[in-house]
Amino acid sequence: MNSIPEMENSNSENISFNNIGNSPTAMSVSNSSSPSSSTAPSRYENQKRRDWNTFGQYLKNHRPPLSLSRCSGAHVLEFLRYLDQFGKTKVHTPICPFYGHPNPPAPCPCPLRQAWGSLDALIGRLRAAFEENGGKPEANPFGARAVRLYLREVRDLQSKARGVSYEKKKRKRPPQQQIQSLPLPLPLPPPPGAA
């Protein structure tokens, strides 16, 4: 039986869902203990910890409450749809006159959603946090096929609605370094007495 440790429920960090207004990443996190190491965690690590705590709080507030071990890709999709209410990206509906225009000239009543890039980055951080917290990669709900398909669907819908194409960025390859030709060694003089 797979045993996945449950989310931490320490008193040192409290996430406040009372002041959710702009985005899930803007939730207040109070940290009453100072880091024990002299180096501060990176911005990515801090964001990953906040996202993990937010998802844990979501599971706790779920009706009925969910344990991490019972969480599936369907619950992750429910969480992503829940986050849409805090989005800041205008996504035009097909009947909107500005559908497909990246910079509409006037306001419209189309809904605000989470941007695809934000959701994609969030899932990447949660996927990593799941495994760092003892979850098995094959049981990772953030890597479920349904989640990947949902993200692709959101990307395609938003690219059409906003007229912004999400093309995969081509990796820049470092310029090839020319191999410096080393001077060939000079031939050794013949040994004395050889003629």
C-alpha atoms as a PDB file:
ATOM      1  CA  MET A   1       0.000   0.000   0.000  1.00  0.00           C
ATOM      2  CA  ASN A   2       1.381   3.401  -0.943  1.00  0.00           C
ATOM      3  CA  SER A   3       1.719   5.615   2.033  1.00  0.00           C
ATOM      4  CA  ILE A   4       2.082   9.268   1.300  1.00  0.00           C
ATOM      5  CA  PRO A   5       2.781  11.559   4.218  1.00  0.00           C
ATOM      6  CA  GLU A   6      -0.042  13.974   4.797  1.00  0.00           C
ATOM      7  CA  MET A   7       0.426  17.708   4.395  1.00  0.00           C
ATOM      8  CA  GLU A   8       2.212  19.392   7.254  1.00  0.00           C
ATOM      9  CA  ASN A   9      -0.029  21.147   9.670  1.00  0.00           C
ATOM     10  CA  SER A  10       2.440  23.208  11.638  1.00  0.00           C
ATOM     11  CA  ASN A  11       1.627  26.286  13.616  1.00  0.00           C
ATOM     12  CA  SER A  12       4.613  28.114  12.167  1.00  0.00           C
ATOM     13  CA  GLU A  13       2.862  28.887   8.890  1.00  0.00           C
ATOM     14  CA  ASN A  14      -0.703  30.023   8.435  1.00  0.00           C
ATOM     15  CA  ILE A  15      -2.323  30.677   5.093  1.00  0.00           C
ATOM     16  CA  SER A  16      -5.118  33.168   5.182  1.00  0.00           C
ATOM     17  CA  PHE A  17      -7.932  32.424   2.768  1.00  0.00           C
ATOM     18  CA  ASN A  18      -9.855  35.423   4.093  1.00  0.00           C
ATOM     19  CA  ASN A  19      -7.922  37.883   1.991  1.00  0.00           C
ATOM     20  CA  ILE A  20      -7.964  36.084  -1.344  1.00  0.00           C
ATOM     21  CA  GLY A  21      -8.556  38.910  -3.724  1.00  0.00           C
ATOM     22  CA  ASN A  22      -6.182  39.081  -6.572  1.00  0.00           C
ATOM     23  CA  SER A  23      -4.407  35.814  -6.994  1.00  0.00           C
ATOM     24  CA  PRO A  24      -3.713  32.602  -5.137  1.00  0.00           C
ATOM     25  CA  THR A  25      -0.030  33.413  -5.103  1.00  0.00           C
ATOM     26  CA  ALA A  26      -0.766  36.696  -3.323  1.00  0.00           C
ATOM     27  CA  MET A  27      -2.206  34.961  -0.279  1.00  0.00           C
ATOM     28  CA  SER A  28      -0.620  36.016   2.938  1.00  0.00           C
ATOM     29  CA  VAL A  29       1.708  33.575   4.542  1.00  0.00           C
ATOM     30  CA  SER A  30       2.938  34.373   7.994  1.00  0.00           C
ATOM     31  CA  ASN A  31       6.092  32.696   9.104  1.00  0.00           C
ATOM     32  CA  SER A  32       6.750  32.919  12.809  1.00  0.00           C
ATOM     33  CA  SER A  33      10.035  31.040  12.795  1.00  0.00           C
ATOM     34  CA  SER A  34      13.261  32.165  11.194  1.00  0.00           C
ATOM     35  CA  PRO A  35      15.115  29.909   8.783  1.00  0.00           C
ATOM     36  CA  SER A  36      17.661  27.744  10.543  1.00  0.00           C
ATOM     37  CA  SER A  37      20.254  27.974   7.795  1.00  0.00           C
ATOM     38  CA  SER A  38      22.215  31.061   6.945  1.00  0.00           C
ATOM     39  CA  THR A  39      21.222  30.994   3.268  1.00  0.00           C
ATOM     40  CA  ALA A  40      17.692  31.995   2.405  1.00  0.00           C
ATOM     41  CA  PRO A  41      15.690  29.721   0.100  1.00  0.00           C
ATOM     42  CA  SER A  42      15.433  30.825  -3.516  1.00  0.00           C
ATOM     43  CA  ARG A  43      12.398  32.653  -4.829  1.00  0.00           C
ATOM     44  CA  TYR A  44      11.356  29.472  -6.627  1.00  0.00           C
ATOM     45  CA  GLU A  45      11.614  27.405  -3.429  1.00  0.00           C
ATOM     46  CA  ASN A  46       9.563  29.977  -1.505  1.00  0.00           C
ATOM     47  CA  GLN A  47       6.897  30.024  -4.198  1.00  0.00           C
ATOM     48  CA  LYS A  48       6.839  26.232  -4.341  1.00  0.00           C
ATOM     49  CA  ARG A  49       6.355  26.067  -0.552  1.00  0.00           C
ATOM     50  CA  ARG A  50       3.529  28.640  -0.701  1.00  0.00           C
ATOM     51  CA  ASP A  51       1.821  26.762  -3.546  1.00  0.00           C
ATOM     52  CA  TRP A  52       2.144  23.466  -1.681  1.00  0.00           C
ATOM     53  CA  ASN A  53       0.650  25.011   1.463  1.00  0.00           C
ATOM     54  CA  THR A  54      -2.172  26.567  -0.581  1.00  0.00           C
ATOM     55  CA  PHE A  55      -3.015  23.212  -2.136  1.00  0.00           C
ATOM     56  CA  GLY A  56      -2.903  21.613   1.319  1.00  0.00           C
ATOM     57  CA  GLN A  57      -5.320  24.233   2.609  1.00  0.00           C
ATOM     58  CA  TYR A  58      -7.571  23.599  -0.394  1.00  0.00           C
ATOM     59  CA  LEU A  59      -7.659  19.886   0.439  1.00  0.00           C
ATOM     60  CA  LYS A  60      -8.444  20.662   4.064  1.00  0.00           C
ATOM     61  CA  ASN A  61     -11.287  23.040   3.095  1.00  0.00           C
ATOM     62  CA  HIS A  62     -12.667  20.607   0.517  1.00  0.00           C
ATOM     63  CA  ARG A  63     -16.090  19.157   1.326  1.00  0.00           C
ATOM     64  CA  PRO A  64     -15.613  16.439   2.422  1.00  0.00           C
ATOM     65  CA  PRO A  65     -11.971  17.089   3.444  1.00  0.00           C
ATOM     66  CA  LEU A  66      -9.489  15.197   1.293  1.00  0.00           C
ATOM     67  CA  SER A  67      -6.253  13.537   2.264  1.00  0.00           C
ATOM     68  CA  LEU A  68      -3.305  13.845  -0.093  1.00  0.00           C
ATOM     69  CA  SER A  69      -3.186  10.073  -0.554  1.00  0.00           C
ATOM     70  CA  ARG A  70      -6.755  10.144  -1.956  1.00  0.00           C
ATOM     71  CA  CYS A  71      -6.121  13.138  -4.215  1.00  0.00           C
ATOM     72  CA  SER A  72      -6.402  12.465  -7.955  1.00  0.00           C
ATOM     73  CA  GLY A  73      -5.993  14.372 -11.187  1.00  0.00           C
ATOM     74  CA  ALA A  74      -9.712  15.229 -11.002  1.00  0.00           C
ATOM     75  CA  HIS A  75      -9.128  17.026  -7.702  1.00  0.00           C
ATOM     76  CA  VAL A  76      -6.214  18.925  -9.227  1.00  0.00           C
ATOM     77  CA  LEU A  77      -8.516  20.036 -12.085  1.00  0.00           C
ATOM     78  CA  GLU A  78     -11.107  21.147  -9.539  1.00  0.00           C
ATOM     79  CA  PHE A  79      -8.373  23.176  -7.790  1.00  0.00           C
ATOM     80  CA  LEU A  80      -7.287  24.813 -11.076  1.00  0.00           C
ATOM     81  CA  ARG A  81     -10.883  25.753 -11.924  1.00  0.00           C
ATOM     82  CA  TYR A  82     -11.284  27.175  -8.425  1.00  0.00           C
ATOM     83  CA  LEU A  83      -8.215  29.362  -9.000  1.00  0.00           C
ATOM     84  CA  ASP A  84      -9.758  30.889 -12.135  1.00  0.00           C
ATOM     85  CA  GLN A  85     -11.864  33.208  -9.995  1.00  0.00           C
ATOM     86  CA  PHE A  86      -8.656  34.970  -8.906  1.00  0.00           C
ATOM     87  CA  GLY A  87      -7.254  35.353 -12.441  1.00  0.00           C
ATOM     88  CA  LYS A  88      -6.210  38.632 -14.036  1.00  0.00           C
ATOM     89  CA  THR A  89      -6.114  37.601 -17.693  1.00  0.00           C
ATOM     90  CA  LYS A  90      -9.027  38.662 -19.894  1.00  0.00           C
ATOM     91  CA  VAL A  91     -10.139  35.700 -22.001  1.00  0.00           C
ATOM     92  CA  HIS A  92     -12.573  36.731 -24.734  1.00  0.00           C
ATOM     93  CA  THR A  93     -15.556  34.533 -25.544  1.00  0.00           C
ATOM     94  CA  PRO A  94     -16.195  33.595 -29.197  1.00  0.00           C
ATOM     95  CA  ILE A  95     -19.153  36.033 -29.382  1.00  0.00           C
ATOM     96  CA  CYS A  96     -17.026  38.972 -28.158  1.00  0.00           C
ATOM     97  CA  PRO A  97     -16.147  41.486 -30.911  1.00  0.00           C
ATOM     98  CA  PHE A  98     -12.557  41.457 -29.603  1.00  0.00           C
ATOM     99  CA  TYR A  99     -12.161  37.682 -29.831  1.00  0.00           C
ATOM    100  CA  GLY A 100      -8.718  37.000 -31.268  1.00  0.00           C
ATOM    101  CA  HIS A 101      -7.394  40.526 -30.679  1.00  0.00           C
ATOM    102  CA  PRO A 102      -4.385  40.737 -28.353  1.00  0.00           C
ATOM    103  CA  ASN A 103      -4.983  44.432 -27.545  1.00  0.00           C
ATOM    104  CA  PRO A 104      -8.712  45.233 -27.558  1.00  0.00           C
ATOM    105  CA  PRO A 105      -9.476  48.942 -28.057  1.00  0.00           C
ATOM    106  CA  ALA A 106     -12.303  49.034 -25.509  1.00  0.00           C
ATOM    107  CA  PRO A 107     -13.423  47.187 -22.369  1.00  0.00           C
ATOM    108  CA  CYS A 108     -15.643  44.133 -22.649  1.00  0.00           C
ATOM    109  CA  PRO A 109     -17.537  41.923 -20.187  1.00  0.00           C
ATOM    110  CA  CYS A 110     -15.451  38.808 -20.864  1.00  0.00           C
ATOM    111  CA  PRO A 111     -14.267  36.906 -17.794  1.00  0.00           C
ATOM    112  CA  LEU A 112     -10.890  37.132 -16.123  1.00  0.00           C
ATOM    113  CA  ARG A 113      -9.057  33.836 -15.834  1.00  0.00           C
ATOM    114  CA  GLN A 114      -5.729  32.485 -14.710  1.00  0.00           C
ATOM    115  CA  ALA A 115      -3.227  32.760 -17.535  1.00  0.00           C
ATOM    116  CA  TRP A 116      -2.097  29.494 -19.053  1.00  0.00           C
ATOM    117  CA  GLY A 117       1.555  30.231 -18.266  1.00  0.00           C
ATOM    118  CA  SER A 118       0.736  30.770 -14.595  1.00  0.00           C
ATOM    119  CA  LEU A 119      -1.177  27.493 -14.381  1.00  0.00           C
ATOM    120  CA  ASP A 120       1.581  25.622 -16.175  1.00  0.00           C
ATOM    121  CA  ALA A 121       4.237  26.977 -13.805  1.00  0.00           C
ATOM    122  CA  LEU A 122       2.025  26.266 -10.777  1.00  0.00           C
ATOM    123  CA  ILE A 123       1.547  22.627 -11.813  1.00  0.00           C
ATOM    124  CA  GLY A 124       5.304  22.276 -12.332  1.00  0.00           C
ATOM    125  CA  ARG A 125       6.012  23.551  -8.828  1.00  0.00           C
ATOM    126  CA  LEU A 126       3.298  21.376  -7.247  1.00  0.00           C
ATOM    127  CA  ARG A 127       4.501  18.325  -9.128  1.00  0.00           C
ATOM    128  CA  ALA A 128       8.012  18.855  -7.764  1.00  0.00           C
ATOM    129  CA  ALA A 129       6.732  19.582  -4.241  1.00  0.00           C
ATOM    130  CA  PHE A 130       4.644  16.391  -4.241  1.00  0.00           C
ATOM    131  CA  GLU A 131       7.710  14.251  -4.897  1.00  0.00           C
ATOM    132  CA  GLU A 132       9.864  16.228  -2.444  1.00  0.00           C
ATOM    133  CA  ASN A 133       7.259  15.539   0.242  1.00  0.00           C
ATOM    134  CA  GLY A 134       7.447  11.771  -0.172  1.00  0.00           C
ATOM    135  CA  GLY A 135       5.022  11.159  -3.023  1.00  0.00           C
ATOM    136  CA  LYS A 136       5.869   8.551  -5.632  1.00  0.00           C
ATOM    137  CA  PRO A 137       6.318   9.915  -9.185  1.00  0.00           C
ATOM    138  CA  GLU A 138       3.916   7.331 -10.641  1.00  0.00           C
ATOM    139  CA  ALA A 139       1.198   8.406  -8.165  1.00  0.00           C
ATOM    140  CA  ASN A 140       1.683  12.156  -8.709  1.00  0.00           C
ATOM    141  CA  PRO A 141      -1.776  13.682  -9.338  1.00  0.00           C
ATOM    142  CA  PHE A 142      -0.165  16.829 -10.809  1.00  0.00           C
ATOM    143  CA  GLY A 143       1.335  14.764 -13.610  1.00  0.00           C
ATOM    144  CA  ALA A 144      -1.930  13.023 -14.496  1.00  0.00           C
ATOM    145  CA  ARG A 145      -2.888  12.840 -18.161  1.00  0.00           C
ATOM    146  CA  ALA A 146      -6.129  14.729 -17.457  1.00  0.00           C
ATOM    147  CA  VAL A 147      -4.123  17.650 -16.023  1.00  0.00           C
ATOM    148  CA  ARG A 148      -1.821  17.764 -19.059  1.00  0.00           C
ATOM    149  CA  LEU A 149      -4.815  17.698 -21.412  1.00  0.00           C
ATOM    150  CA  TYR A 150      -6.553  20.455 -19.424  1.00  0.00           C
ATOM    151  CA  LEU A 151      -3.465  22.680 -19.601  1.00  0.00           C
ATOM    152  CA  ARG A 152      -3.193  22.111 -23.347  1.00  0.00           C
ATOM    153  CA  GLU A 153      -6.882  22.951 -23.754  1.00  0.00           C
ATOM    154  CA  VAL A 154      -6.500  26.158 -21.706  1.00  0.00           C
ATOM    155  CA  ARG A 155      -3.434  27.146 -23.738  1.00  0.00           C
ATOM    156  CA  ASP A 156      -5.219  26.612 -27.055  1.00  0.00           C
ATOM    157  CA  LEU A 157      -8.403  28.369 -25.906  1.00  0.00           C
ATOM    158  CA  GLN A 158      -6.506  31.371 -24.579  1.00  0.00           C
ATOM    159  CA  SER A 159      -4.267  31.659 -27.620  1.00  0.00           C
ATOM    160  CA  LYS A 160      -7.327  31.813 -29.904  1.00  0.00           C
ATOM    161  CA  ALA A 161      -9.313  34.099 -27.616  1.00  0.00           C
ATOM    162  CA  ARG A 162      -6.494  36.556 -27.034  1.00  0.00           C
ATOM    163  CA  GLY A 163      -4.800  36.309 -30.412  1.00  0.00           C
ATOM    164  CA  VAL A 164      -1.546  35.310 -28.737  1.00  0.00           C
ATOM    165  CA  SER A 165       0.211  32.269 -30.093  1.00  0.00           C
ATOM    166  CA  TYR A 166       2.030  30.130 -27.590  1.00  0.00           C
ATOM    167  CA  GLU A 167       4.814  28.697 -29.654  1.00  0.00           C
ATOM    168  CA  LYS A 168       7.402  26.571 -28.017  1.00  0.00           C
ATOM    169  CA  LYS A 169      10.507  28.631 -27.527  1.00  0.00           C
ATOM    170  CA  LYS A 170      13.487  27.388 -29.414  1.00  0.00           C
ATOM    171  CA  ARG A 171      16.456  26.764 -27.217  1.00  0.00           C
ATOM    172  CA  LYS A 172      19.366  28.991 -27.952  1.00  0.00           C
ATOM    173  CA  ARG A 173      22.359  26.915 -28.702  1.00  0.00           C
ATOM    174  CA  PRO A 174      25.684  28.278 -27.625  1.00  0.00           C
ATOM    175  CA  PRO A 175      27.834  29.310 -30.560  1.00  0.00           C
ATOM    176  CA  GLN A 176      30.102  26.506 -31.607  1.00  0.00           C
ATOM    177  CA  GLN A 177      33.579  27.067 -30.381  1.00  0.00           C
ATOM    178  CA  GLN A 178      36.140  26.644 -33.048  1.00  0.00           C
ATOM    179  CA  ILE A 179      38.721  24.095 -32.169  1.00  0.00           C
ATOM    180  CA  GLN A 180      41.989  25.871 -32.013  1.00  0.00           C
ATOM    181  CA  SER A 181      44.512  24.028 -34.030  1.00  0.00           C
ATOM    182  CA  LEU A 182      47.446  23.238 -31.889  1.00  0.00           C
ATOM    183  CA  PRO A 183      50.834  23.457 -33.521  1.00  0.00           C
ATOM    184  CA  LEU A 184      52.108  20.068 -34.517  1.00  0.00           C
ATOM    185  CA  PRO A 185      55.100  18.920 -32.507  1.00  0.00           C
ATOM    186  CA  LEU A 186      58.410  19.353 -34.238  1.00  0.00           C
ATOM    187  CA  PRO A 187      60.049  16.144 -35.338  1.00  0.00           C
ATOM    188  CA  LEU A 188      62.713  14.946 -32.952  1.00  0.00           C
ATOM    189  CA  PRO A 189      66.265  15.131 -34.190  1.00  0.00           C
ATOM    190  CA  PRO A 190      67.772  11.749 -35.029  1.00  0.00           C
ATOM    191  CA  PRO A 191      69.747  10.151 -32.197  1.00  0.00           C
ATOM    192  CA  PRO A 192      73.516  10.666 -32.304  1.00  0.00           C
ATOM    193  CA  GLY A 193      75.349   8.062 -34.301  1.00  0.00           C
ATOM    194  CA  ALA A 194      72.433   7.272 -36.558  1.00  0.00           C
ATOM    195  CA  ALA A 195      73.155   8.091 -40.136  1.00  0.00           C
END
